[in-house]
Structure formats: C-alpha cells, structure tokens
C-alpha cells in the first residue's frame, strides 16, 4: 500500500521544514511527497528545491491558478499512489500517523476516506484545543456536515479510487476538504478515527481556521450550491 502526500504551500517558509521532516520520516522509499506551490514570494520554493536535491520522493509542481482549492487540486491530481494524505504546510505529523491510518484502510476495504482527530496548537506547539472532534462536534453525515462542516483536510486521507469522484473540485464549494468529505459520505465510504495524529498549528498567517466566520447569507448560498453539486456528482458516478 503505497502512499502519496499532497501538500499545498504558499509563503510557508517559517514552519515548512519541521512539517516536511515529520512527513518524510514516515514514508518508505516507494512513497512520495507531492507539493503544489501557489506562487510563493518568500523562501518556500528554495526550501523545497533543497529537499528535492537530496530526496527523489519530493516532487514540486506550480499551481496554474491561484487559491487554496486549486492548489490542493493541483497536488492531488499529480499523486500516483494507493493512499493519498492531505497536508498543510505548517503542521507537524505525529510519528505514528501514516502507519495508523494505513492499518485502518487494511481493516476496512470498503472505506475510501479516513479522517483522524487532531491536537490544535499555537506557534510553539503548545496545546490550545486538545480535541478538534470535541471542539467542532465532528461526526459523519451528509446533512450534518452541510449544516455545520466538521471535515478538515489536514487530517484527511483517501484511496486513489476517490480521485475520479472528487476531481475537479468545484470552485463554488467553500473548501476542498468539505467537498472531499461529503463526496465520501455520499458514497457511505467515510470513516472518522479517534486517534489524534497531527499537531494542527494555528498562527497569524494560517489560511484555514477551526471556526467558520462566514456571513449567514454566504453560508446559505454555499449550502445550496454544495447540495446541488453533491447530487449531480452522486448521479454521475453511480
């Protein structure tokens, strides 16, 4: 069971090295770290190039568009292996993450997407929220997650077979992770596991948040749009 890690980067020089190190230490020689960069203007690309020079598992692609969703889509579409892990640029993976998730896939062949719990931390990796699940009320369910999304990409992985159902990621959905989780949920193929497998770093430059701060009007529009898109996707891939 080979692993691909799909990481999206953008001006992430400050925390990028610890995250890459925490990932590569868990990958076998047949695995890969696919990085899509969204036109960084700091030292992010230089850091990635240094890793590429010494480790052939690290592969870099530049996002042809711009934005978080297209950046993750670009990383995902370049993955080649059986299990695809999503990764932010500024977290730290716990040492048991990859093997723990792989064991769940082996035990549950019908499952296409797995999400773990996470520990939310500050800049210095001090715990601020012990359990994202408890904070966000995370659980499966299409209606539940349309009303209040609890899918978070940095804790997600999926089988390569799911790529055909999630790509391209509609630009009208709020975020890539909500879309991936709901598509898996629509196919009764999602699993939430209790282990906390990453330190999810929150800081001033963080792109994603643990809370949704959108307006009520925007939330209603997103829910309407994603409901229609999910139905169309489900019917297309039946």
C-alpha atoms as a PDB file:
ATOM      1  CA  UNK A   1       0.000   0.000   0.000  1.00  0.00           C
ATOM      2  CA  UNK A   2       1.991   2.969  -1.321  1.00  0.00           C
ATOM      3  CA  UNK A   3       1.444   6.479  -0.005  1.00  0.00           C
ATOM      4  CA  UNK A   4       1.281   9.888  -1.665  1.00  0.00           C
ATOM      5  CA  UNK A   5       1.203  13.072   0.396  1.00  0.00           C
ATOM      6  CA  UNK A   6      -0.450  16.057  -1.314  1.00  0.00           C
ATOM      7  CA  UNK A   7       0.820  19.279   0.256  1.00  0.00           C
ATOM      8  CA  UNK A   8      -0.170  22.821  -0.698  1.00  0.00           C
ATOM      9  CA  UNK A   9       2.291  25.645   0.007  1.00  0.00           C
ATOM     10  CA  UNK A  10       2.180  29.426  -0.123  1.00  0.00           C
ATOM     11  CA  UNK A  11       4.735  31.658   1.608  1.00  0.00           C
ATOM     12  CA  UNK A  12       5.280  28.991   4.247  1.00  0.00           C
ATOM     13  CA  UNK A  13       8.992  29.363   4.906  1.00  0.00           C
ATOM     14  CA  UNK A  14       8.668  29.759   8.684  1.00  0.00           C
ATOM     15  CA  UNK A  15       7.233  26.336   9.519  1.00  0.00           C
ATOM     16  CA  UNK A  16       7.758  24.305   6.349  1.00  0.00           C
ATOM     17  CA  UNK A  17      10.904  22.376   7.295  1.00  0.00           C
ATOM     18  CA  UNK A  18       9.528  20.783  10.503  1.00  0.00           C
ATOM     19  CA  UNK A  19       6.428  19.664   8.625  1.00  0.00           C
ATOM     20  CA  UNK A  20       8.345  18.159   5.700  1.00  0.00           C
ATOM     21  CA  UNK A  21      10.697  16.382   8.121  1.00  0.00           C
ATOM     22  CA  UNK A  22       7.786  14.947  10.102  1.00  0.00           C
ATOM     23  CA  UNK A  23       6.301  13.564   6.875  1.00  0.00           C
ATOM     24  CA  UNK A  24       9.397  12.176   5.155  1.00  0.00           C
ATOM     25  CA  UNK A  25      10.446  10.313   8.298  1.00  0.00           C
ATOM     26  CA  UNK A  26       7.292   8.182   7.951  1.00  0.00           C
ATOM     27  CA  UNK A  27       7.436   7.460   4.214  1.00  0.00           C
ATOM     28  CA  UNK A  28       9.005   4.444   2.554  1.00  0.00           C
ATOM     29  CA  UNK A  29      11.261   4.654  -0.486  1.00  0.00           C
ATOM     30  CA  UNK A  30       8.253   3.908  -2.735  1.00  0.00           C
ATOM     31  CA  UNK A  31       6.158   6.748  -1.322  1.00  0.00           C
ATOM     32  CA  UNK A  32       6.074  10.361  -2.499  1.00  0.00           C
ATOM     33  CA  UNK A  33       5.564  13.908  -1.241  1.00  0.00           C
ATOM     34  CA  UNK A  34       3.798  15.950  -3.915  1.00  0.00           C
ATOM     35  CA  UNK A  35       3.972  19.692  -3.274  1.00  0.00           C
ATOM     36  CA  UNK A  36       1.934  22.265  -5.180  1.00  0.00           C
ATOM     37  CA  UNK A  37       3.048  25.838  -4.640  1.00  0.00           C
ATOM     38  CA  UNK A  38       0.759  28.818  -5.169  1.00  0.00           C
ATOM     39  CA  UNK A  39       3.387  31.290  -6.454  1.00  0.00           C
ATOM     40  CA  UNK A  40       5.225  31.882  -3.176  1.00  0.00           C
ATOM     41  CA  UNK A  41       7.336  35.041  -2.929  1.00  0.00           C
ATOM     42  CA  UNK A  42       9.381  34.072   0.153  1.00  0.00           C
ATOM     43  CA  UNK A  43      11.924  31.237   0.551  1.00  0.00           C
ATOM     44  CA  UNK A  44       9.346  28.444   0.279  1.00  0.00           C
ATOM     45  CA  UNK A  45      10.429  27.323  -3.192  1.00  0.00           C
ATOM     46  CA  UNK A  46      14.106  27.415  -2.246  1.00  0.00           C
ATOM     47  CA  UNK A  47      13.430  25.213   0.759  1.00  0.00           C
ATOM     48  CA  UNK A  48      11.525  22.700  -1.367  1.00  0.00           C
ATOM     49  CA  UNK A  49      14.275  22.661  -4.003  1.00  0.00           C
ATOM     50  CA  UNK A  50      16.837  21.811  -1.322  1.00  0.00           C
ATOM     51  CA  UNK A  51      14.781  18.784  -0.301  1.00  0.00           C
ATOM     52  CA  UNK A  52      14.357  17.761  -3.948  1.00  0.00           C
ATOM     53  CA  UNK A  53      18.135  17.685  -4.420  1.00  0.00           C
ATOM     54  CA  UNK A  54      18.639  15.024  -1.766  1.00  0.00           C
ATOM     55  CA  UNK A  55      15.315  13.149  -1.768  1.00  0.00           C
ATOM     56  CA  UNK A  56      13.661  11.906  -5.003  1.00  0.00           C
ATOM     57  CA  UNK A  57      10.392  11.343  -3.130  1.00  0.00           C
ATOM     58  CA  UNK A  58       9.861  15.133  -3.061  1.00  0.00           C
ATOM     59  CA  UNK A  59       8.213  16.474  -6.235  1.00  0.00           C
ATOM     60  CA  UNK A  60       7.240  20.090  -6.872  1.00  0.00           C
ATOM     61  CA  UNK A  61       4.523  21.481  -9.124  1.00  0.00           C
ATOM     62  CA  UNK A  62       3.409  25.096  -9.554  1.00  0.00           C
ATOM     63  CA  UNK A  63      -0.295  25.866  -9.338  1.00  0.00           C
ATOM     64  CA  UNK A  64      -1.513  27.189 -12.687  1.00  0.00           C
ATOM     65  CA  UNK A  65      -4.382  29.022 -10.979  1.00  0.00           C
ATOM     66  CA  UNK A  66      -4.346  30.671  -7.553  1.00  0.00           C
ATOM     67  CA  UNK A  67      -6.089  29.920  -4.280  1.00  0.00           C
ATOM     68  CA  UNK A  68      -6.273  27.149  -1.710  1.00  0.00           C
ATOM     69  CA  UNK A  69      -8.749  24.897  -3.521  1.00  0.00           C
ATOM     70  CA  UNK A  70      -6.943  24.926  -6.861  1.00  0.00           C
ATOM     71  CA  UNK A  71      -3.606  24.466  -5.097  1.00  0.00           C
ATOM     72  CA  UNK A  72      -4.747  21.298  -3.351  1.00  0.00           C
ATOM     73  CA  UNK A  73      -6.410  20.066  -6.529  1.00  0.00           C
ATOM     74  CA  UNK A  74      -3.117  20.511  -8.375  1.00  0.00           C
ATOM     75  CA  UNK A  75      -1.271  18.475  -5.743  1.00  0.00           C
ATOM     76  CA  UNK A  76      -3.912  15.723  -5.705  1.00  0.00           C
ATOM     77  CA  UNK A  77      -4.020  15.298  -9.476  1.00  0.00           C
ATOM     78  CA  UNK A  78      -0.253  14.679  -9.568  1.00  0.00           C
ATOM     79  CA  UNK A  79      -0.349  11.878  -6.976  1.00  0.00           C
ATOM     80  CA  UNK A  80       0.314   8.332  -8.156  1.00  0.00           C
ATOM     81  CA  UNK A  81      -0.028   6.004  -5.170  1.00  0.00           C
ATOM     82  CA  UNK A  82      -2.720   3.986  -3.409  1.00  0.00           C
ATOM     83  CA  UNK A  83      -3.413   6.190  -0.392  1.00  0.00           C
ATOM     84  CA  UNK A  84      -3.354   9.990  -0.613  1.00  0.00           C
ATOM     85  CA  UNK A  85      -2.794  12.072   2.522  1.00  0.00           C
ATOM     86  CA  UNK A  86      -3.547  15.793   2.505  1.00  0.00           C
ATOM     87  CA  UNK A  87      -1.093  18.095   4.241  1.00  0.00           C
ATOM     88  CA  UNK A  88      -0.912  21.739   5.225  1.00  0.00           C
ATOM     89  CA  UNK A  89       2.493  23.444   5.177  1.00  0.00           C
ATOM     90  CA  UNK A  90       2.728  24.438   8.829  1.00  0.00           C
ATOM     91  CA  UNK A  91       1.569  21.494  10.942  1.00  0.00           C
ATOM     92  CA  UNK A  92       3.601  18.626  12.410  1.00  0.00           C
ATOM     93  CA  UNK A  93       2.638  14.996  11.894  1.00  0.00           C
ATOM     94  CA  UNK A  94       2.864  12.698  14.891  1.00  0.00           C
ATOM     95  CA  UNK A  95       5.271   9.782  14.252  1.00  0.00           C
ATOM     96  CA  UNK A  96       2.537   7.132  14.143  1.00  0.00           C
ATOM     97  CA  UNK A  97       0.250   8.923  11.669  1.00  0.00           C
ATOM     98  CA  UNK A  98       0.945   7.054   8.436  1.00  0.00           C
ATOM     99  CA  UNK A  99       1.066   3.541   9.865  1.00  0.00           C
ATOM    100  CA  UNK A 100      -2.042   4.102  11.991  1.00  0.00           C
ATOM    101  CA  UNK A 101      -4.090   5.273   9.022  1.00  0.00           C
ATOM    102  CA  UNK A 102      -2.795   2.519   6.735  1.00  0.00           C
ATOM    103  CA  UNK A 103      -3.842  -0.086   9.294  1.00  0.00           C
ATOM    104  CA  UNK A 104      -7.398   1.258   9.242  1.00  0.00           C
ATOM    105  CA  UNK A 105      -7.524   1.024   5.447  1.00  0.00           C
ATOM    106  CA  UNK A 106      -6.341  -2.597   5.596  1.00  0.00           C
ATOM    107  CA  UNK A 107      -9.038  -3.413   8.146  1.00  0.00           C
ATOM    108  CA  UNK A 108     -11.778  -1.560   6.230  1.00  0.00           C
ATOM    109  CA  UNK A 109     -11.504  -2.267   2.489  1.00  0.00           C
ATOM    110  CA  UNK A 110     -14.854  -0.596   1.789  1.00  0.00           C
ATOM    111  CA  UNK A 111     -13.721   2.729   3.253  1.00  0.00           C
ATOM    112  CA  UNK A 112     -12.455   5.372   0.802  1.00  0.00           C
ATOM    113  CA  UNK A 113     -11.777   8.332   3.111  1.00  0.00           C
ATOM    114  CA  UNK A 114     -10.377   8.443   6.640  1.00  0.00           C
ATOM    115  CA  UNK A 115     -10.098  11.464   8.910  1.00  0.00           C
ATOM    116  CA  UNK A 116      -8.348  11.468  12.281  1.00  0.00           C
ATOM    117  CA  UNK A 117      -8.751  13.724  15.281  1.00  0.00           C
ATOM    118  CA  UNK A 118      -6.118  16.440  15.766  1.00  0.00           C
ATOM    119  CA  UNK A 119      -4.489  18.450  18.531  1.00  0.00           C
ATOM    120  CA  UNK A 120      -4.713  22.203  17.895  1.00  0.00           C
ATOM    121  CA  UNK A 121      -1.546  24.052  18.930  1.00  0.00           C
ATOM    122  CA  UNK A 122      -0.036  27.555  18.859  1.00  0.00           C
ATOM    123  CA  UNK A 123       3.175  28.728  17.144  1.00  0.00           C
ATOM    124  CA  UNK A 124       5.345  26.856  19.638  1.00  0.00           C
ATOM    125  CA  UNK A 125       3.279  23.647  19.529  1.00  0.00           C
ATOM    126  CA  UNK A 126       1.606  24.302  22.871  1.00  0.00           C
ATOM    127  CA  UNK A 127      -1.851  22.718  23.013  1.00  0.00           C
ATOM    128  CA  UNK A 128      -4.757  25.156  22.712  1.00  0.00           C
ATOM    129  CA  UNK A 129      -7.537  22.659  21.868  1.00  0.00           C
ATOM    130  CA  UNK A 130      -6.942  19.063  22.900  1.00  0.00           C
ATOM    131  CA  UNK A 131      -9.509  17.522  20.531  1.00  0.00           C
ATOM    132  CA  UNK A 132     -10.788  19.058  17.302  1.00  0.00           C
ATOM    133  CA  UNK A 133     -13.554  16.436  17.291  1.00  0.00           C
ATOM    134  CA  UNK A 134     -14.894  17.635  20.621  1.00  0.00           C
ATOM    135  CA  UNK A 135     -14.480  21.316  19.737  1.00  0.00           C
ATOM    136  CA  UNK A 136     -16.193  21.031  16.356  1.00  0.00           C
ATOM    137  CA  UNK A 137     -18.643  18.224  17.106  1.00  0.00           C
ATOM    138  CA  UNK A 138     -17.134  16.082  14.364  1.00  0.00           C
ATOM    139  CA  UNK A 139     -19.065  13.124  13.050  1.00  0.00           C
ATOM    140  CA  UNK A 140     -20.140  11.635   9.746  1.00  0.00           C
ATOM    141  CA  UNK A 141     -23.361  12.573   7.981  1.00  0.00           C
ATOM    142  CA  UNK A 142     -24.067  14.472   4.776  1.00  0.00           C
ATOM    143  CA  UNK A 143     -26.790  16.724   6.169  1.00  0.00           C
ATOM    144  CA  UNK A 144     -24.859  17.285   9.398  1.00  0.00           C
ATOM    145  CA  UNK A 145     -21.740  18.421   7.528  1.00  0.00           C
ATOM    146  CA  UNK A 146     -23.631  20.599   5.071  1.00  0.00           C
ATOM    147  CA  UNK A 147     -25.218  22.417   8.005  1.00  0.00           C
ATOM    148  CA  UNK A 148     -22.023  22.532  10.101  1.00  0.00           C
ATOM    149  CA  UNK A 149     -18.924  21.189   8.414  1.00  0.00           C
ATOM    150  CA  UNK A 150     -16.518  19.205  10.573  1.00  0.00           C
ATOM    151  CA  UNK A 151     -14.283  17.818   7.822  1.00  0.00           C
ATOM    152  CA  UNK A 152     -10.739  19.199   7.977  1.00  0.00           C
ATOM    153  CA  UNK A 153      -8.281  18.481   5.199  1.00  0.00           C
ATOM    154  CA  UNK A 154      -5.049  18.318   7.172  1.00  0.00           C
ATOM    155  CA  UNK A 155      -6.396  15.231   8.963  1.00  0.00           C
ATOM    156  CA  UNK A 156      -7.793  13.538   5.849  1.00  0.00           C
ATOM    157  CA  UNK A 157      -6.622  10.788   3.534  1.00  0.00           C
ATOM    158  CA  UNK A 158      -8.366   8.830   0.808  1.00  0.00           C
ATOM    159  CA  UNK A 159      -7.894   5.974  -1.626  1.00  0.00           C
ATOM    160  CA  UNK A 160      -6.836   6.858  -5.176  1.00  0.00           C
ATOM    161  CA  UNK A 161     -10.179   5.498  -6.432  1.00  0.00           C
ATOM    162  CA  UNK A 162     -11.897   8.517  -4.872  1.00  0.00           C
ATOM    163  CA  UNK A 163      -9.970  10.939  -7.116  1.00  0.00           C
ATOM    164  CA  UNK A 164     -12.325  10.324 -10.034  1.00  0.00           C
ATOM    165  CA  UNK A 165     -15.273  11.380  -7.868  1.00  0.00           C
ATOM    166  CA  UNK A 166     -13.764  14.473  -6.254  1.00  0.00           C
ATOM    167  CA  UNK A 167     -11.828  15.965  -9.191  1.00  0.00           C
ATOM    168  CA  UNK A 168     -12.187  18.570 -10.447  1.00  0.00           C
ATOM    169  CA  UNK A 169     -13.104  20.228  -7.168  1.00  0.00           C
ATOM    170  CA  UNK A 170     -15.993  22.638  -7.860  1.00  0.00           C
ATOM    171  CA  UNK A 171     -14.926  26.225  -7.300  1.00  0.00           C
ATOM    172  CA  UNK A 172     -18.335  27.028  -5.820  1.00  0.00           C
ATOM    173  CA  UNK A 173     -17.741  24.871  -2.722  1.00  0.00           C
ATOM    174  CA  UNK A 174     -16.435  26.625   0.421  1.00  0.00           C
ATOM    175  CA  UNK A 175     -13.285  24.491   0.742  1.00  0.00           C
ATOM    176  CA  UNK A 176     -11.689  21.414  -0.784  1.00  0.00           C
ATOM    177  CA  UNK A 177     -11.869  19.367   2.420  1.00  0.00           C
ATOM    178  CA  UNK A 178     -15.609  19.864   2.882  1.00  0.00           C
ATOM    179  CA  UNK A 179     -16.149  18.636  -0.686  1.00  0.00           C
ATOM    180  CA  UNK A 180     -13.942  15.555  -0.294  1.00  0.00           C
ATOM    181  CA  UNK A 181     -15.544  14.574   2.992  1.00  0.00           C
ATOM    182  CA  UNK A 182     -19.086  14.989   1.692  1.00  0.00           C
ATOM    183  CA  UNK A 183     -18.412  13.054  -1.516  1.00  0.00           C
ATOM    184  CA  UNK A 184     -17.057  10.146   0.543  1.00  0.00           C
ATOM    185  CA  UNK A 185     -20.008  10.455   2.906  1.00  0.00           C
ATOM    186  CA  UNK A 186     -22.488  10.396   0.000  1.00  0.00           C
ATOM    187  CA  UNK A 187     -20.955   7.081  -1.039  1.00  0.00           C
ATOM    188  CA  UNK A 188     -21.108   5.695   2.533  1.00  0.00           C
ATOM    189  CA  UNK A 189     -17.318   5.389   2.465  1.00  0.00           C
ATOM    190  CA  UNK A 190     -16.124   7.795   5.172  1.00  0.00           C
ATOM    191  CA  UNK A 191     -14.551   6.825   8.488  1.00  0.00           C
ATOM    192  CA  UNK A 192     -13.595   9.064  11.409  1.00  0.00           C
ATOM    193  CA  UNK A 193     -10.977   7.526  13.689  1.00  0.00           C
ATOM    194  CA  UNK A 194     -10.317   8.656  17.284  1.00  0.00           C
ATOM    195  CA  UNK A 195      -6.528   8.947  17.221  1.00  0.00           C
ATOM    196  CA  UNK A 196      -5.057  12.467  17.310  1.00  0.00           C
ATOM    197  CA  UNK A 197      -2.407  12.230  14.612  1.00  0.00           C
ATOM    198  CA  UNK A 198      -1.200  15.767  13.931  1.00  0.00           C
ATOM    199  CA  UNK A 199      -0.313  18.957  15.722  1.00  0.00           C
ATOM    200  CA  UNK A 200      -2.503  21.481  13.887  1.00  0.00           C
ATOM    201  CA  UNK A 201      -0.659  24.778  14.150  1.00  0.00           C
ATOM    202  CA  UNK A 202      -2.727  27.991  14.263  1.00  0.00           C
ATOM    203  CA  UNK A 203      -0.911  31.307  13.791  1.00  0.00           C
ATOM    204  CA  UNK A 204      -1.318  34.730  12.222  1.00  0.00           C
ATOM    205  CA  UNK A 205      -0.691  33.569   8.642  1.00  0.00           C
ATOM    206  CA  UNK A 206      -2.870  30.457   8.796  1.00  0.00           C
ATOM    207  CA  UNK A 207      -5.134  30.071   5.757  1.00  0.00           C
ATOM    208  CA  UNK A 208      -7.723  27.738   7.313  1.00  0.00           C
ATOM    209  CA  UNK A 209      -9.456  28.121  10.662  1.00  0.00           C
ATOM    210  CA  UNK A 210     -11.138  25.886  13.220  1.00  0.00           C
ATOM    211  CA  UNK A 211     -14.261  28.043  13.069  1.00  0.00           C
ATOM    212  CA  UNK A 212     -16.408  29.234  10.164  1.00  0.00           C
ATOM    213  CA  UNK A 213     -16.646  33.030  10.228  1.00  0.00           C
ATOM    214  CA  UNK A 214     -18.642  33.486   7.002  1.00  0.00           C
ATOM    215  CA  UNK A 215     -21.849  35.510   6.934  1.00  0.00           C
ATOM    216  CA  UNK A 216     -25.249  33.824   7.231  1.00  0.00           C
ATOM    217  CA  UNK A 217     -26.023  34.756   3.626  1.00  0.00           C
ATOM    218  CA  UNK A 218     -22.795  33.191   2.388  1.00  0.00           C
ATOM    219  CA  UNK A 219     -23.349  30.050   4.465  1.00  0.00           C
ATOM    220  CA  UNK A 220     -26.853  29.627   2.997  1.00  0.00           C
ATOM    221  CA  UNK A 221     -25.560  30.093  -0.552  1.00  0.00           C
ATOM    222  CA  UNK A 222     -22.761  27.578  -0.021  1.00  0.00           C
ATOM    223  CA  UNK A 223     -25.147  25.003   1.416  1.00  0.00           C
ATOM    224  CA  UNK A 224     -27.487  25.376  -1.537  1.00  0.00           C
ATOM    225  CA  UNK A 225     -24.673  25.142  -4.065  1.00  0.00           C
ATOM    226  CA  UNK A 226     -22.896  22.194  -2.493  1.00  0.00           C
ATOM    227  CA  UNK A 227     -26.162  20.259  -2.116  1.00  0.00           C
ATOM    228  CA  UNK A 228     -26.809  20.575  -5.853  1.00  0.00           C
ATOM    229  CA  UNK A 229     -23.222  19.668  -6.718  1.00  0.00           C
ATOM    230  CA  UNK A 230     -23.274  16.591  -4.468  1.00  0.00           C
ATOM    231  CA  UNK A 231     -26.451  15.261  -6.071  1.00  0.00           C
ATOM    232  CA  UNK A 232     -25.008  15.765  -9.566  1.00  0.00           C
ATOM    233  CA  UNK A 233     -21.743  14.063  -8.571  1.00  0.00           C
ATOM    234  CA  UNK A 234     -23.536  11.116  -6.981  1.00  0.00           C
ATOM    235  CA  UNK A 235     -25.738  10.555 -10.014  1.00  0.00           C
ATOM    236  CA  UNK A 236     -22.768  10.864 -12.382  1.00  0.00           C
ATOM    237  CA  UNK A 237     -20.728   8.190 -10.598  1.00  0.00           C
ATOM    238  CA  UNK A 238     -23.478   5.698  -9.763  1.00  0.00           C
END
